[in-house]
């Protein structure tokens, strides 16, 4: 593992410019590769990703936030599916991830039975406590516990007729204290080091479902993490008047657990954070961007709109109010000014096996990079030694 990680690190670090699109593409390709297995709970994916981010920070010259380690460790319960993942309906074996998923709160089960229709989209094998739900789209997530039944969601395009029989072999395991870590670094400010601008993005995704299927998570959130790493590389080479801090959060997909842990156990004073920018779903942008908390911080939103108008980066910058939809939220609740920026348009893949690097355009990557850099500069205007 160490050899593979070293090769990946050397490959990425050899690219010269943080704002280069090639740098971004190679990072997304790397983070969505089978080696990281969806940056989740099986195949050691999330731990490999944390080690990779730490190595990147170190290679750029970004220092550990607490002066000791990049990793802020914490744990939480999670229900995982590390082994068998087989489902056959009406005698036809389905493809995991593409034709069926098991709902993340499900227990493992092995058995076969008849299906009884309960409504237009649900079918039940009462003997084995299996529910089959016929869906237009398969969307997976993360849960911390297993219930006493198994819910299997099936893409209706995979069925030639209504489900009548089922045979399954599904393995699950509840880990009560899954150990993971936020990855935290900073570049010390040259004039006012106690004033901090923070960039955040979650690096975890959904991991794998069974031993052969994983969710790459290109847009969610290899894209946002790539932008964070690009900015970290840039600011390490170009120190600013304020300290620039960077956090890759784990546990976001499980309920904003990494940012919750950090805000309850901060490595730097939260009151020192002048502004926080959270990056998630940053792989598109042809239709513009949305800025969450725009109505909460109208002065800063006006500044980012003006910068966009002058630079012609995006066709529109859409304001949105307060929302608990990513890691910025827990900081806002603690009084930290924050924006959450996500891009609009392009691919629709989300929480599925189709969120892959090959179809992620990254067509507005450089525009978002420079919009953020210039916005941060505006926050530090008139800073004098």
Protein backbone atom coordinates (compact mmCIF):
# COMPACT_ATOMS: atom_id res chain seq x y z
CA UNK A 1 0.00 0.00 0.00
CA UNK A 2 2.79 2.43 0.90
CA UNK A 3 4.46 1.82 -2.47
CA UNK A 4 1.24 2.48 -4.39
CA UNK A 5 0.55 5.63 -2.37
CA UNK A 6 4.08 6.90 -3.02
CA UNK A 7 3.67 6.40 -6.76
CA UNK A 8 0.34 8.26 -6.73
CA UNK A 9 1.83 11.09 -4.69
CA UNK A 10 4.84 11.52 -6.97
CA UNK A 11 2.61 11.45 -10.02
CA UNK A 12 0.28 14.16 -8.76
CA UNK A 13 2.95 16.31 -7.13
CA UNK A 14 4.98 16.44 -10.33
CA UNK A 15 2.33 18.58 -11.96
CA UNK A 16 3.45 22.17 -11.70
CA UNK A 17 0.49 24.49 -11.32
CA UNK A 18 -2.41 24.11 -8.92
CA UNK A 19 -4.75 25.95 -11.27
CA UNK A 20 -3.82 23.72 -14.23
CA UNK A 21 -6.78 21.64 -15.45
CA UNK A 22 -4.47 18.67 -15.95
CA UNK A 23 -3.61 18.79 -12.25
CA UNK A 24 -7.32 18.67 -11.38
CA UNK A 25 -8.11 15.87 -13.82
CA UNK A 26 -5.32 13.66 -12.52
CA UNK A 27 -6.42 14.25 -8.94
CA UNK A 28 -10.04 13.29 -9.69
CA UNK A 29 -8.88 10.24 -11.67
CA UNK A 30 -6.75 9.19 -8.72
CA UNK A 31 -9.35 9.77 -6.00
CA UNK A 32 -11.99 7.81 -7.91
CA UNK A 33 -9.73 4.88 -8.75
CA UNK A 34 -10.36 1.35 -7.39
CA UNK A 35 -7.40 1.84 -5.04
CA UNK A 36 -9.50 4.20 -2.91
CA UNK A 37 -12.68 2.10 -3.37
CA UNK A 38 -15.12 4.96 -3.04
CA UNK A 39 -13.26 6.52 -0.07
CA UNK A 40 -15.49 4.62 2.31
CA UNK A 41 -15.72 1.76 4.77
CA UNK A 42 -14.40 -1.31 2.96
CA UNK A 43 -11.05 -2.06 1.31
CA UNK A 44 -9.61 0.54 3.73
CA UNK A 45 -10.79 3.25 1.32
CA UNK A 46 -11.33 6.19 3.64
CA UNK A 47 -8.03 5.57 5.44
CA UNK A 48 -6.11 5.41 2.16
CA UNK A 49 -7.71 8.70 1.16
CA UNK A 50 -6.76 10.37 4.46
CA UNK A 51 -3.15 9.20 4.02
CA UNK A 52 -3.12 10.52 0.46
CA UNK A 53 -4.42 13.97 1.45
CA UNK A 54 -1.91 14.15 4.31
CA UNK A 55 0.91 13.29 1.91
CA UNK A 56 -0.28 15.93 -0.53
CA UNK A 57 -0.37 18.58 2.21
CA UNK A 58 3.13 17.63 3.27
CA UNK A 59 4.47 17.77 -0.30
CA UNK A 60 2.99 21.26 -0.81
CA UNK A 61 4.43 22.62 2.44
CA UNK A 62 1.09 22.86 4.24
CA UNK A 63 1.69 22.27 7.96
CA UNK A 64 -0.42 20.21 10.40
CA UNK A 65 -3.04 22.40 12.00
CA UNK A 66 -2.11 21.39 15.55
CA UNK A 67 1.62 21.34 14.77
CA UNK A 68 1.79 17.56 15.25
CA UNK A 69 -0.40 15.54 12.92
CA UNK A 70 -2.64 16.19 9.94
CA UNK A 71 -5.20 13.73 11.34
CA UNK A 72 -7.93 14.63 13.81
CA UNK A 73 -9.25 11.20 14.72
CA UNK A 74 -12.83 10.36 15.70
CA UNK A 75 -15.25 7.46 15.28
CA UNK A 76 -18.89 6.63 14.69
CA UNK A 77 -21.08 3.55 14.00
CA UNK A 78 -21.63 2.34 10.46
CA UNK A 79 -23.41 -0.56 8.75
CA UNK A 80 -21.18 -1.98 6.02
CA UNK A 81 -21.56 -4.58 3.27
CA UNK A 82 -18.11 -6.14 2.83
CA UNK A 83 -18.89 -9.53 1.29
CA UNK A 84 -21.60 -11.27 -0.71
CA UNK A 85 -23.96 -9.03 -2.66
CA UNK A 86 -26.21 -11.19 -4.82
CA UNK A 87 -29.85 -10.76 -5.82
CA UNK A 88 -31.85 -12.80 -8.34
CA UNK A 89 -35.42 -11.82 -9.23
CA UNK A 90 -37.66 -13.99 -11.41
CA UNK A 91 -34.64 -16.20 -12.07
CA UNK A 92 -32.54 -13.31 -13.47
CA UNK A 93 -29.37 -12.36 -11.61
CA UNK A 94 -29.10 -8.59 -11.16
CA UNK A 95 -25.96 -6.47 -11.33
CA UNK A 96 -25.17 -4.79 -7.98
CA UNK A 97 -25.01 -1.01 -8.15
CA UNK A 98 -26.40 -0.82 -11.68
CA UNK A 99 -29.57 -2.92 -11.39
CA UNK A 100 -30.07 -3.13 -7.64
CA UNK A 101 -28.79 -1.72 -4.36
CA UNK A 102 -29.41 -2.84 -0.82
CA UNK A 103 -30.74 -0.07 1.39
CA UNK A 104 -27.94 0.95 3.81
CA UNK A 105 -29.94 0.22 6.98
CA UNK A 106 -30.57 -3.39 5.89
CA UNK A 107 -29.44 -6.55 7.63
CA UNK A 108 -27.71 -9.33 5.78
CA UNK A 109 -29.78 -12.26 4.57
CA UNK A 110 -29.42 -15.49 2.61
CA UNK A 111 -32.54 -17.19 1.28
CA UNK A 112 -35.15 -17.55 -1.42
CA UNK A 113 -38.89 -16.98 -1.48
CA UNK A 114 -42.00 -15.78 -3.23
CA UNK A 115 -42.81 -12.09 -3.48
CA UNK A 116 -46.21 -10.71 -2.54
CA UNK A 117 -47.19 -7.37 -4.09
CA UNK A 118 -48.29 -4.78 -1.51
CA UNK A 119 -48.64 -1.74 -3.78
CA UNK A 120 -47.54 -0.58 -7.25
CA UNK A 121 -43.83 -0.50 -6.38
CA UNK A 122 -43.34 -2.74 -3.32
CA UNK A 123 -43.11 -6.52 -3.01
CA UNK A 124 -42.53 -8.57 0.16
CA UNK A 125 -40.98 -11.93 0.98
CA UNK A 126 -42.44 -12.26 4.47
CA UNK A 127 -40.58 -15.45 5.37
CA UNK A 128 -37.14 -13.89 4.86
CA UNK A 129 -38.21 -10.35 5.83
CA UNK A 130 -37.19 -8.93 2.46
CA UNK A 131 -38.81 -5.90 0.82
CA UNK A 132 -38.28 -5.20 -2.87
CA UNK A 133 -38.84 -1.61 -4.01
CA UNK A 134 -38.96 -0.82 -7.74
CA UNK A 135 -37.29 2.53 -8.40
CA UNK A 136 -36.74 4.97 -11.28
CA UNK A 137 -33.20 5.71 -9.99
CA UNK A 138 -30.90 3.94 -7.56
CA UNK A 139 -29.38 6.25 -4.93
CA UNK A 140 -27.23 4.88 -2.11
CA UNK A 141 -26.20 6.37 1.24
CA UNK A 142 -24.72 5.48 4.66
CA UNK A 143 -26.38 4.33 7.88
CA UNK A 144 -25.08 3.69 11.37
CA UNK A 145 -27.28 0.73 12.24
CA UNK A 146 -28.99 -2.32 10.77
CA UNK A 147 -32.73 -2.88 11.14
CA UNK A 148 -34.45 -6.29 11.29
CA UNK A 149 -35.33 -6.48 7.58
CA UNK A 150 -33.64 -6.16 4.20
CA UNK A 151 -34.76 -3.59 1.65
CA UNK A 152 -33.60 -4.17 -1.92
CA UNK A 153 -34.12 -1.36 -4.41
CA UNK A 154 -34.35 -2.48 -8.04
CA UNK A 155 -34.08 -0.34 -11.15
CA UNK A 156 -37.34 -0.84 -13.01
CA UNK A 157 -35.44 -0.93 -16.32
CA UNK A 158 -33.87 -4.22 -15.17
CA UNK A 159 -37.27 -5.93 -14.88
CA UNK A 160 -39.21 -7.47 -17.76
CA UNK A 161 -42.18 -8.26 -15.51
CA UNK A 162 -43.33 -7.65 -11.96
CA UNK A 163 -41.15 -9.30 -9.27
CA UNK A 164 -42.60 -12.68 -8.26
CA UNK A 165 -39.66 -14.58 -6.76
CA UNK A 166 -36.35 -13.68 -5.14
CA UNK A 167 -33.10 -15.32 -4.14
CA UNK A 168 -30.45 -13.36 -2.23
CA UNK A 169 -27.09 -13.69 -0.50
CA UNK A 170 -26.16 -10.43 1.23
CA UNK A 171 -23.62 -9.92 4.00
CA UNK A 172 -23.54 -6.97 6.38
CA UNK A 173 -21.55 -5.96 9.45
CA UNK A 174 -22.24 -3.21 11.96
CA UNK A 175 -19.06 -1.52 13.17
CA UNK A 176 -19.97 0.34 16.40
CA UNK A 177 -16.83 2.52 16.40
CA UNK A 178 -15.51 2.97 12.90
CA UNK A 179 -12.29 4.95 13.21
CA UNK A 180 -11.62 7.76 10.75
CA UNK A 181 -10.15 11.27 10.76
CA UNK A 182 -10.45 14.81 9.49
CA UNK A 183 -7.32 15.93 7.64
CA UNK A 184 -6.32 19.41 8.82
CA UNK A 185 -3.55 21.73 7.67
CA UNK A 186 -2.64 25.39 7.36
CA UNK A 187 -0.32 27.94 5.80
CA UNK A 188 0.58 30.57 8.37
CA UNK A 189 -0.27 34.17 7.58
CA UNK A 190 2.48 36.71 6.99
CA UNK A 191 0.79 39.74 8.58
CA UNK A 192 -2.16 38.62 10.70
CA UNK A 193 -1.61 34.93 11.41
CA UNK A 194 -4.40 34.90 14.01
CA UNK A 195 -6.95 35.81 11.33
CA UNK A 196 -7.93 32.75 9.35
CA UNK A 197 -9.62 31.99 6.04
CA UNK A 198 -10.66 28.35 5.95
CA UNK A 199 -11.31 26.11 2.94
CA UNK A 200 -13.18 22.85 3.57
CA UNK A 201 -14.41 19.86 1.57
CA UNK A 202 -15.38 16.36 2.56
CA UNK A 203 -13.25 13.56 1.17
CA UNK A 204 -15.35 10.57 2.23
CA UNK A 205 -17.89 8.98 -0.08
CA UNK A 206 -20.02 5.83 0.08
CA UNK A 207 -17.34 3.21 -0.34
CA UNK A 208 -18.35 -0.22 -1.61
CA UNK A 209 -21.46 -2.38 -1.66
CA UNK A 210 -20.25 -5.96 -1.63
CA UNK A 211 -16.80 -7.13 -2.65
CA UNK A 212 -16.95 -6.10 -6.32
CA UNK A 213 -18.91 -2.82 -6.50
CA UNK A 214 -17.85 0.64 -5.38
CA UNK A 215 -19.18 4.18 -5.74
CA UNK A 216 -16.42 6.41 -7.22
CA UNK A 217 -17.81 9.77 -6.04
CA UNK A 218 -16.25 11.95 -8.73
CA UNK A 219 -18.53 14.97 -8.38
CA UNK A 220 -19.35 14.09 -4.77
CA UNK A 221 -16.80 14.95 -3.67
CA UNK A 222 -13.54 14.27 -5.44
CA UNK A 223 -14.30 17.52 -7.28
CA UNK A 224 -14.53 19.67 -4.15
CA UNK A 225 -11.54 17.97 -2.55
CA UNK A 226 -9.53 18.56 -5.72
CA UNK A 227 -10.36 22.26 -5.58
CA UNK A 228 -9.30 22.32 -1.92
CA UNK A 229 -5.98 20.62 -2.72
CA UNK A 230 -5.43 23.01 -5.62
CA UNK A 231 -5.94 25.98 -3.33
CA UNK A 232 -3.71 24.45 -0.65
CA UNK A 233 -0.92 24.01 -3.20
CA UNK A 234 -1.38 27.57 -4.45
CA UNK A 235 -1.42 29.19 -1.02
CA UNK A 236 1.55 27.15 0.21
CA UNK A 237 3.52 28.66 -2.68
CA UNK A 238 1.94 32.10 -2.17
CA UNK A 239 1.47 32.81 1.57
CA UNK A 240 -1.17 35.40 2.36
CA UNK A 241 -1.55 38.09 5.05
CA UNK A 242 -4.07 35.83 6.83
CA UNK A 243 -3.51 32.22 7.74
CA UNK A 244 -5.07 29.88 5.17
CA UNK A 245 -6.50 26.72 6.76
CA UNK A 246 -7.68 23.56 5.02
CA UNK A 247 -9.81 20.67 6.27
CA UNK A 248 -10.77 17.50 4.44
CA UNK A 249 -13.73 16.17 6.40
CA UNK A 250 -14.61 12.55 6.89
CA UNK A 251 -18.09 11.38 7.91
CA UNK A 252 -20.00 13.91 5.81
CA UNK A 253 -22.04 11.23 4.07
CA UNK A 254 -22.97 9.77 7.46
CA UNK A 255 -24.51 13.06 8.62
CA UNK A 256 -21.88 15.86 8.72
CA UNK A 257 -20.10 13.96 11.48
CA UNK A 258 -16.57 15.21 10.73
CA UNK A 259 -17.50 18.87 10.78
CA UNK A 260 -19.61 18.25 13.88
CA UNK A 261 -16.60 16.74 15.62
CA UNK A 262 -14.29 19.57 14.57
CA UNK A 263 -16.66 22.35 15.68
CA UNK A 264 -17.03 20.62 19.06
CA UNK A 265 -13.27 19.97 19.30
CA UNK A 266 -11.66 22.79 17.29
CA UNK A 267 -7.93 22.72 16.62
CA UNK A 268 -7.96 26.50 16.16
CA UNK A 269 -10.25 29.08 17.79
CA UNK A 270 -13.47 29.29 15.78
CA UNK A 271 -13.69 33.01 16.57
CA UNK A 272 -10.43 33.51 14.61
CA UNK A 273 -12.01 32.31 11.35
CA UNK A 274 -12.71 35.42 9.27
CA UNK A 275 -14.55 33.37 6.65
CA UNK A 276 -15.03 29.74 5.62
CA UNK A 277 -15.64 28.43 2.10
CA UNK A 278 -17.00 24.89 1.85
CA UNK A 279 -16.66 23.11 -1.49
CA UNK A 280 -18.89 20.22 -2.55
CA UNK A 281 -20.18 19.06 -5.97
CA UNK A 282 -17.77 21.27 -7.92
CA UNK A 283 -17.33 19.25 -11.11
CA UNK A 284 -19.67 21.11 -13.46
CA UNK A 285 -20.69 24.80 -13.62
CA UNK A 286 -21.96 25.42 -17.15
CA UNK A 287 -25.16 26.84 -15.61
CA UNK A 288 -23.33 28.76 -12.88
CA UNK A 289 -22.89 28.25 -9.15
CA UNK A 290 -25.05 28.45 -6.06
CA UNK A 291 -23.81 30.13 -2.89
CA UNK A 292 -25.50 28.84 0.28
CA UNK A 293 -25.68 31.45 3.08
CA UNK A 294 -25.69 34.26 0.50
CA UNK A 295 -28.65 35.89 2.22
CA UNK A 296 -27.02 35.45 5.65
CA UNK A 297 -23.86 37.33 4.60
CA UNK A 298 -25.04 39.82 1.96
CA UNK A 299 -21.88 41.97 2.05
CA UNK A 300 -19.64 39.02 1.20
CA UNK A 301 -22.11 37.76 -1.39
CA UNK A 302 -22.10 41.16 -3.09
CA UNK A 303 -18.31 40.96 -3.21
CA UNK A 304 -18.31 37.54 -4.85
CA UNK A 305 -20.92 38.70 -7.37
CA UNK A 306 -18.82 41.73 -8.27
CA UNK A 307 -15.72 39.57 -8.73
CA UNK A 308 -17.67 37.22 -10.96
CA UNK A 309 -19.05 40.08 -13.03
CA UNK A 310 -15.58 41.53 -13.53
CA UNK A 311 -13.96 38.20 -14.35
CA UNK A 312 -16.85 36.68 -16.32
CA UNK A 313 -16.31 33.35 -14.60
CA UNK A 314 -19.88 32.02 -14.42
CA UNK A 315 -23.10 32.85 -16.25
CA UNK A 316 -24.79 33.33 -12.90
CA UNK A 317 -24.08 33.23 -9.19
CA UNK A 318 -27.28 32.10 -7.51
CA UNK A 319 -28.00 33.16 -3.91
CA UNK A 320 -29.44 30.67 -1.46
CA UNK A 321 -30.27 31.04 2.20
CA UNK A 322 -29.21 28.98 5.17
CA UNK A 323 -29.22 25.21 4.58
CA UNK A 324 -27.94 22.20 6.51
CA UNK A 325 -26.77 20.46 3.35
CA UNK A 326 -22.99 20.28 3.80
CA UNK A 327 -20.14 20.80 6.26
CA UNK A 328 -20.38 24.61 6.40
CA UNK A 329 -23.60 24.30 8.42
CA UNK A 330 -22.12 23.31 11.79
CA UNK A 331 -19.68 26.22 11.56
CA UNK A 332 -22.48 28.67 10.79
CA UNK A 333 -24.33 27.37 13.84
CA UNK A 334 -21.26 28.24 15.91
CA UNK A 335 -21.16 31.79 14.54
CA UNK A 336 -18.50 31.29 11.86
CA UNK A 337 -19.26 33.21 8.63
CA UNK A 338 -19.38 30.67 5.81
CA UNK A 339 -20.39 30.03 2.22
CA UNK A 340 -21.07 26.66 0.66
CA UNK A 341 -20.43 26.75 -3.10
CA UNK A 342 -21.69 24.09 -5.52
CA UNK A 343 -21.78 24.12 -9.31
CA UNK A 344 -24.83 23.86 -11.57
CA UNK A 345 -25.60 22.04 -14.81
CA UNK A 346 -24.02 19.10 -16.56
CA UNK A 347 -24.12 15.52 -15.30
CA UNK A 348 -26.91 14.22 -13.06
CA UNK A 349 -25.05 11.30 -11.47
CA UNK A 350 -25.33 11.44 -7.68
CA UNK A 351 -24.77 8.77 -5.03
CA UNK A 352 -24.61 6.09 -7.68
CA UNK A 353 -22.00 4.04 -9.54
CA UNK A 354 -22.21 6.41 -12.51
CA UNK A 355 -20.54 9.35 -10.72
CA UNK A 356 -17.22 8.67 -12.44
CA UNK A 357 -14.26 10.80 -13.48
CA UNK A 358 -14.61 10.03 -17.20
CA UNK A 359 -17.94 11.86 -17.45
CA UNK A 360 -17.16 14.69 -15.02
CA UNK A 361 -16.48 17.74 -17.21
CA UNK A 362 -14.46 19.93 -14.79
CA UNK A 363 -15.08 22.57 -17.46
CA UNK A 364 -15.29 25.42 -14.94
CA UNK A 365 -12.58 24.24 -12.58
CA UNK A 366 -10.16 27.10 -13.29
CA UNK A 367 -12.95 29.68 -13.15
CA UNK A 368 -14.00 28.54 -9.69
CA UNK A 369 -10.36 28.48 -8.57
CA UNK A 370 -9.77 32.12 -9.52
CA UNK A 371 -13.14 33.26 -8.22
CA UNK A 372 -12.23 31.86 -4.80
CA UNK A 373 -8.68 33.27 -4.87
CA UNK A 374 -9.93 36.75 -5.72
CA UNK A 375 -12.74 36.55 -3.18
CA UNK A 376 -10.24 35.61 -0.48
CA UNK A 377 -8.07 38.54 -1.54
CA UNK A 378 -11.07 40.84 -1.13
CA UNK A 379 -11.48 39.60 2.44
CA UNK A 380 -7.89 40.60 3.17
CA UNK A 381 -7.95 44.04 1.55
CA UNK A 382 -6.14 46.86 3.33
CA UNK A 383 -4.19 44.49 5.58
CA UNK A 384 -1.00 46.30 6.56
CA UNK A 385 2.06 45.11 8.49
